[in-house]
């Protein structure tokens, strides 16, 4: 049975190329749903801005990493803009890495 913590650990290997913090600690991941029966994972996320130059790259990277590292059949990554991302979503670890504690 796949756990949310396992999915998070894989997602933590994905980075916005412009920011030296993984997308999870950056607060871009809003929700993770796991369907063990279907061997599927659904990730709901946002980006720092709607004009993010990596808007295609980051969701694709998450999808590929989760699929290959966790051996699931289906991965769906949905980008949402509501609620909008704000710096308050950055985890304490992310703030430490950015020097904004």
Protein backbone atom coordinates (compact mmCIF):
# COMPACT_ATOMS: atom_id res chain seq x y z
CA UNK A 1 0.00 0.00 0.00
CA UNK A 2 1.42 3.33 -1.12
CA UNK A 3 1.60 6.09 1.49
CA UNK A 4 1.34 9.84 1.14
CA UNK A 5 4.79 10.13 2.75
CA UNK A 6 6.29 8.00 -0.04
CA UNK A 7 4.74 10.25 -2.68
CA UNK A 8 6.00 13.35 -0.86
CA UNK A 9 9.55 11.98 -0.73
CA UNK A 10 9.51 11.51 -4.52
CA UNK A 11 7.99 14.94 -5.12
CA UNK A 12 10.73 16.46 -2.96
CA UNK A 13 13.15 15.45 -5.73
CA UNK A 14 11.42 17.89 -8.14
CA UNK A 15 12.59 21.50 -8.30
CA UNK A 16 11.52 24.73 -9.92
CA UNK A 17 14.65 25.42 -12.03
CA UNK A 18 14.68 29.06 -10.91
CA UNK A 19 14.39 28.38 -7.16
CA UNK A 20 16.76 26.18 -5.12
CA UNK A 21 13.92 24.59 -3.11
CA UNK A 22 11.93 21.49 -4.02
CA UNK A 23 8.32 22.00 -5.07
CA UNK A 24 6.92 20.41 -1.91
CA UNK A 25 8.87 22.65 0.49
CA UNK A 26 8.08 25.60 -1.76
CA UNK A 27 4.41 24.96 -0.92
CA UNK A 28 3.30 24.23 -4.46
CA UNK A 29 1.67 20.88 -3.63
CA UNK A 30 -1.89 21.37 -2.41
CA UNK A 31 -3.20 17.80 -2.27
CA UNK A 32 -2.16 14.21 -2.91
CA UNK A 33 -4.74 11.45 -3.43
CA UNK A 34 -3.81 7.78 -3.70
CA UNK A 35 -6.08 5.10 -5.14
CA UNK A 36 -4.40 1.79 -4.37
CA UNK A 37 -7.03 -0.24 -6.22
CA UNK A 38 -6.32 1.60 -9.47
CA UNK A 39 -2.60 2.07 -8.71
CA UNK A 40 -3.16 5.77 -9.30
CA UNK A 41 -1.94 9.01 -7.76
CA UNK A 42 -3.49 12.43 -8.24
CA UNK A 43 -1.53 15.55 -7.32
CA UNK A 44 -3.11 18.99 -7.12
CA UNK A 45 -0.61 21.81 -7.23
CA UNK A 46 -0.05 25.42 -8.12
CA UNK A 47 2.87 27.44 -9.42
CA UNK A 48 4.43 30.59 -8.00
CA UNK A 49 2.91 32.66 -10.84
CA UNK A 50 0.57 32.03 -13.76
CA UNK A 51 3.35 33.16 -16.08
CA UNK A 52 5.85 30.66 -14.67
CA UNK A 53 8.26 29.71 -17.49
CA UNK A 54 8.34 26.14 -16.13
CA UNK A 55 4.54 25.73 -16.14
CA UNK A 56 4.75 22.64 -18.37
CA UNK A 57 8.04 21.25 -17.11
CA UNK A 58 7.29 21.03 -13.37
CA UNK A 59 3.99 19.07 -13.58
CA UNK A 60 5.52 16.74 -16.19
CA UNK A 61 8.55 16.16 -13.98
CA UNK A 62 6.34 15.32 -10.99
CA UNK A 63 4.25 12.94 -13.09
CA UNK A 64 7.29 11.12 -14.46
CA UNK A 65 9.06 10.88 -11.08
CA UNK A 66 6.00 9.52 -9.26
CA UNK A 67 5.23 7.03 -12.03
CA UNK A 68 8.75 5.64 -12.30
CA UNK A 69 9.83 5.71 -8.65
CA UNK A 70 6.61 4.36 -7.17
CA UNK A 71 5.54 2.01 -9.97
CA UNK A 72 2.00 3.33 -10.28
CA UNK A 73 -0.02 2.94 -13.46
CA UNK A 74 -1.63 6.36 -13.53
CA UNK A 75 -0.44 9.76 -12.34
CA UNK A 76 -2.47 12.89 -12.86
CA UNK A 77 -1.06 16.31 -11.97
CA UNK A 78 -3.56 19.16 -11.97
CA UNK A 79 -2.43 22.78 -11.74
CA UNK A 80 -4.89 25.09 -9.98
CA UNK A 81 -4.85 28.82 -9.31
CA UNK A 82 -7.36 28.90 -6.47
CA UNK A 83 -6.24 29.37 -3.84
CA UNK A 84 -3.32 31.32 -5.27
CA UNK A 85 0.15 30.40 -4.08
CA UNK A 86 1.73 32.78 -1.58
CA UNK A 87 5.12 32.69 0.18
CA UNK A 88 3.31 31.78 3.42
CA UNK A 89 2.86 28.26 1.95
CA UNK A 90 6.63 27.63 2.04
CA UNK A 91 7.51 25.03 4.68
CA UNK A 92 9.94 25.89 7.51
CA UNK A 93 12.59 23.78 5.71
CA UNK A 94 12.00 25.73 2.50
CA UNK A 95 12.26 29.06 4.30
CA UNK A 96 15.51 27.93 5.89
CA UNK A 97 16.96 26.99 2.49
CA UNK A 98 15.90 30.37 1.07
CA UNK A 99 17.24 32.25 4.06
CA UNK A 100 13.88 33.79 4.97
CA UNK A 101 13.27 32.29 8.40
